[in-house]
Amino acid sequence: MQLATIRAEIEQMRRQIARQRKEILDLQRAGIPTTPAEELLARMLTKVEELCAQRDRLVGESRRKYEGKDKFILGPQIRIGGKRG
């Protein structure tokens, strides 16, 4: 998956989670059991955590450090010059 796609999916899932939490509160106010809704919410949260981990991995792969420094090189990594084999 592309980084932009993952970020969009995380954003969409977070909106769904907010709606699910609201529905759970409405069910609780009405005195209706919320166990199935809470289980769905837990699965949704797990999915978001997995997507965030995947996003973080992709971001980490896209960053490189300058040799001997703690600074990241941002942007596309292009080799200019150097040895040709």
N, C-alpha and C. Protein backbone atom coordinates (compact mmCIF):
# COMPACT_ATOMS: atom_id res chain seq x y z
N MET A 1 0.84 -1.19 0.00
CA MET A 1 0.00 0.00 0.00
C MET A 1 0.88 1.25 0.00
N GLN A 2 0.39 2.26 -0.64
CA GLN A 2 1.09 3.54 -0.65
C GLN A 2 0.84 4.28 0.65
N LEU A 3 1.77 5.15 1.00
CA LEU A 3 1.68 5.91 2.24
C LEU A 3 0.41 6.77 2.28
N ALA A 4 0.10 7.44 1.17
CA ALA A 4 -1.09 8.30 1.12
C ALA A 4 -2.37 7.47 1.32
N THR A 5 -2.40 6.28 0.76
CA THR A 5 -3.57 5.41 0.90
C THR A 5 -3.76 4.98 2.35
N ILE A 6 -2.66 4.63 2.99
CA ILE A 6 -2.73 4.21 4.39
C ILE A 6 -3.20 5.36 5.27
N ARG A 7 -2.65 6.55 5.04
CA ARG A 7 -3.06 7.71 5.83
C ARG A 7 -4.55 8.01 5.65
N ALA A 8 -5.05 7.90 4.43
CA ALA A 8 -6.47 8.14 4.18
C ALA A 8 -7.33 7.10 4.88
N GLU A 9 -6.88 5.85 4.85
CA GLU A 9 -7.65 4.79 5.51
C GLU A 9 -7.66 4.98 7.02
N ILE A 10 -6.53 5.41 7.61
CA ILE A 10 -6.48 5.68 9.04
C ILE A 10 -7.47 6.79 9.40
N GLU A 11 -7.48 7.84 8.60
CA GLU A 11 -8.39 8.96 8.84
C GLU A 11 -9.85 8.51 8.78
N GLN A 12 -10.18 7.70 7.78
CA GLN A 12 -11.55 7.21 7.64
C GLN A 12 -11.93 6.31 8.82
N MET A 13 -11.01 5.44 9.23
CA MET A 13 -11.29 4.54 10.35
C MET A 13 -11.50 5.33 11.64
N ARG A 14 -10.73 6.39 11.83
CA ARG A 14 -10.89 7.20 13.04
C ARG A 14 -12.25 7.87 13.08
N ARG A 15 -12.75 8.30 11.92
CA ARG A 15 -14.11 8.87 11.87
C ARG A 15 -15.14 7.80 12.21
N GLN A 16 -14.96 6.60 11.69
CA GLN A 16 -15.88 5.50 11.99
C GLN A 16 -15.85 5.16 13.48
N ILE A 17 -14.66 5.20 14.08
CA ILE A 17 -14.52 4.90 15.50
C ILE A 17 -15.29 5.94 16.32
N ALA A 18 -15.19 7.20 15.94
CA ALA A 18 -15.93 8.25 16.66
C ALA A 18 -17.43 8.01 16.57
N ARG A 19 -17.91 7.63 15.38
CA ARG A 19 -19.34 7.32 15.23
C ARG A 19 -19.73 6.12 16.07
N GLN A 20 -18.88 5.10 16.08
CA GLN A 20 -19.17 3.88 16.85
C GLN A 20 -19.26 4.20 18.34
N ARG A 21 -18.34 5.03 18.83
CA ARG A 21 -18.39 5.41 20.25
C ARG A 21 -19.68 6.14 20.58
N LYS A 22 -20.11 7.02 19.68
CA LYS A 22 -21.36 7.75 19.89
C LYS A 22 -22.54 6.78 19.92
N GLU A 23 -22.54 5.81 19.01
CA GLU A 23 -23.62 4.83 19.00
C GLU A 23 -23.63 4.01 20.29
N ILE A 24 -22.46 3.66 20.80
CA ILE A 24 -22.38 2.90 22.05
C ILE A 24 -22.99 3.72 23.19
N LEU A 25 -22.66 5.01 23.24
CA LEU A 25 -23.24 5.87 24.28
C LEU A 25 -24.76 5.94 24.15
N ASP A 26 -25.26 6.05 22.92
CA ASP A 26 -26.70 6.09 22.70
C ASP A 26 -27.36 4.79 23.17
N LEU A 27 -26.72 3.66 22.86
CA LEU A 27 -27.26 2.37 23.30
C LEU A 27 -27.26 2.25 24.82
N GLN A 28 -26.19 2.73 25.45
CA GLN A 28 -26.10 2.67 26.91
C GLN A 28 -27.19 3.52 27.55
N ARG A 29 -27.44 4.71 26.99
CA ARG A 29 -28.50 5.57 27.52
C ARG A 29 -29.87 4.92 27.38
N ALA A 30 -30.04 4.13 26.32
CA ALA A 30 -31.32 3.46 26.09
C ALA A 30 -31.44 2.16 26.88
N GLY A 31 -30.35 1.76 27.54
CA GLY A 31 -30.39 0.54 28.35
C GLY A 31 -30.24 -0.73 27.53
N ILE A 32 -29.70 -0.62 26.34
CA ILE A 32 -29.51 -1.77 25.46
C ILE A 32 -28.09 -2.30 25.65
N PRO A 33 -27.91 -3.62 25.72
CA PRO A 33 -26.56 -4.19 25.87
C PRO A 33 -25.64 -3.76 24.73
N THR A 34 -24.41 -3.42 25.08
CA THR A 34 -23.47 -2.88 24.09
C THR A 34 -22.30 -3.80 23.80
N THR A 35 -22.33 -5.02 24.28
CA THR A 35 -21.20 -5.93 24.11
C THR A 35 -20.79 -6.11 22.65
N PRO A 36 -21.73 -6.41 21.73
CA PRO A 36 -21.31 -6.57 20.32
C PRO A 36 -20.71 -5.29 19.74
N ALA A 37 -21.27 -4.14 20.09
CA ALA A 37 -20.76 -2.87 19.59
C ALA A 37 -19.37 -2.59 20.15
N GLU A 38 -19.14 -2.94 21.41
CA GLU A 38 -17.83 -2.73 22.01
C GLU A 38 -16.79 -3.66 21.40
N GLU A 39 -17.20 -4.89 21.05
CA GLU A 39 -16.28 -5.82 20.39
C GLU A 39 -15.90 -5.30 19.01
N LEU A 40 -16.88 -4.75 18.29
CA LEU A 40 -16.60 -4.16 16.98
C LEU A 40 -15.64 -2.98 17.13
N LEU A 41 -15.85 -2.16 18.12
CA LEU A 41 -14.97 -1.02 18.38
C LEU A 41 -13.54 -1.49 18.66
N ALA A 42 -13.40 -2.55 19.43
CA ALA A 42 -12.07 -3.09 19.74
C ALA A 42 -11.37 -3.56 18.47
N ARG A 43 -12.12 -4.23 17.57
CA ARG A 43 -11.54 -4.68 16.30
C ARG A 43 -11.13 -3.50 15.44
N MET A 44 -11.94 -2.45 15.44
CA MET A 44 -11.63 -1.25 14.67
C MET A 44 -10.36 -0.59 15.20
N LEU A 45 -10.23 -0.51 16.53
CA LEU A 45 -9.04 0.09 17.13
C LEU A 45 -7.78 -0.72 16.81
N THR A 46 -7.92 -2.04 16.82
CA THR A 46 -6.80 -2.91 16.47
C THR A 46 -6.36 -2.68 15.03
N LYS A 47 -7.33 -2.55 14.14
CA LYS A 47 -7.03 -2.30 12.72
C LYS A 47 -6.30 -0.97 12.55
N VAL A 48 -6.73 0.07 13.28
CA VAL A 48 -6.07 1.37 13.19
C VAL A 48 -4.64 1.27 13.70
N GLU A 49 -4.43 0.54 14.79
CA GLU A 49 -3.08 0.37 15.32
C GLU A 49 -2.18 -0.33 14.30
N GLU A 50 -2.71 -1.33 13.60
CA GLU A 50 -1.94 -2.03 12.57
C GLU A 50 -1.59 -1.09 11.42
N LEU A 51 -2.57 -0.29 11.01
CA LEU A 51 -2.32 0.67 9.93
C LEU A 51 -1.30 1.72 10.33
N CYS A 52 -1.36 2.18 11.58
CA CYS A 52 -0.39 3.17 12.06
C CYS A 52 1.02 2.57 12.09
N ALA A 53 1.14 1.31 12.49
CA ALA A 53 2.44 0.65 12.50
C ALA A 53 2.98 0.53 11.08
N GLN A 54 2.10 0.18 10.14
CA GLN A 54 2.51 0.07 8.74
C GLN A 54 2.92 1.44 8.20
N ARG A 55 2.17 2.48 8.54
CA ARG A 55 2.50 3.84 8.12
C ARG A 55 3.86 4.25 8.68
N ASP A 56 4.09 4.00 9.95
CA ASP A 56 5.35 4.36 10.58
C ASP A 56 6.53 3.62 9.94
N ARG A 57 6.31 2.36 9.58
CA ARG A 57 7.36 1.58 8.92
C ARG A 57 7.70 2.19 7.57
N LEU A 58 6.68 2.55 6.80
CA LEU A 58 6.90 3.15 5.49
C LEU A 58 7.60 4.50 5.60
N VAL A 59 7.21 5.30 6.59
CA VAL A 59 7.85 6.60 6.78
C VAL A 59 9.32 6.39 7.15
N GLY A 60 9.59 5.43 8.02
CA GLY A 60 10.97 5.15 8.42
C GLY A 60 11.83 4.70 7.26
N GLU A 61 11.23 3.89 6.37
CA GLU A 61 11.97 3.42 5.20
C GLU A 61 12.27 4.55 4.23
N SER A 62 11.41 5.57 4.21
CA SER A 62 11.60 6.65 3.25
C SER A 62 12.62 7.68 3.74
N ARG A 63 13.05 7.56 4.99
CA ARG A 63 14.03 8.51 5.54
C ARG A 63 15.40 7.85 5.62
N ARG A 64 16.39 8.59 5.32
CA ARG A 64 17.77 8.14 5.48
C ARG A 64 18.53 9.19 6.24
N LYS A 65 19.60 8.80 6.88
CA LYS A 65 20.41 9.76 7.64
C LYS A 65 21.67 10.11 6.86
N TYR A 66 22.14 11.33 7.09
CA TYR A 66 23.43 11.72 6.56
C TYR A 66 24.49 10.83 7.21
N GLU A 67 25.52 10.51 6.47
CA GLU A 67 26.58 9.66 7.04
C GLU A 67 27.23 10.35 8.22
N GLY A 68 27.29 9.66 9.35
CA GLY A 68 27.95 10.17 10.53
C GLY A 68 27.19 11.24 11.28
N LYS A 69 25.96 11.49 10.91
CA LYS A 69 25.16 12.53 11.57
C LYS A 69 23.83 11.94 12.01
N ASP A 70 23.13 12.67 12.88
CA ASP A 70 21.82 12.24 13.32
C ASP A 70 20.70 12.95 12.59
N LYS A 71 21.02 13.64 11.50
CA LYS A 71 20.01 14.37 10.75
C LYS A 71 19.47 13.50 9.62
N PHE A 72 18.16 13.61 9.40
CA PHE A 72 17.53 12.85 8.33
C PHE A 72 17.61 13.61 7.02
N ILE A 73 17.73 12.86 5.95
CA ILE A 73 17.62 13.42 4.61
C ILE A 73 16.15 13.25 4.23
N LEU A 74 15.46 14.34 3.98
CA LEU A 74 14.05 14.26 3.62
C LEU A 74 13.91 14.34 2.11
N GLY A 75 12.85 13.79 1.59
CA GLY A 75 12.60 13.82 0.16
C GLY A 75 13.13 12.57 -0.51
N PRO A 76 13.01 12.51 -1.83
CA PRO A 76 13.45 11.32 -2.57
C PRO A 76 14.97 11.16 -2.48
N GLN A 77 15.40 9.93 -2.37
CA GLN A 77 16.82 9.63 -2.25
C GLN A 77 17.37 9.30 -3.63
N ILE A 78 18.20 10.20 -4.17
CA ILE A 78 18.76 10.04 -5.51
C ILE A 78 20.28 10.01 -5.38
N ARG A 79 20.90 9.04 -6.02
CA ARG A 79 22.36 8.99 -6.01
C ARG A 79 22.88 9.82 -7.15
N ILE A 80 23.73 10.76 -6.84
CA ILE A 80 24.35 11.61 -7.87
C ILE A 80 25.84 11.38 -7.79
N GLY A 81 26.44 11.09 -8.95
CA GLY A 81 27.89 10.87 -8.98
C GLY A 81 28.24 9.56 -8.32
N GLY A 82 29.41 9.52 -7.69
CA GLY A 82 29.84 8.31 -7.00
C GLY A 82 30.43 7.30 -7.96
N LYS A 83 30.74 6.13 -7.45
CA LYS A 83 31.36 5.08 -8.25
C LYS A 83 30.32 4.40 -9.13
N ARG A 84 30.74 4.07 -10.30
CA ARG A 84 29.89 3.30 -11.20
C ARG A 84 30.57 1.96 -11.43
N GLY A 85 29.77 0.95 -11.38
CA GLY A 85 30.40 -0.34 -11.43
C GLY A 85 30.10 -1.08 -12.62
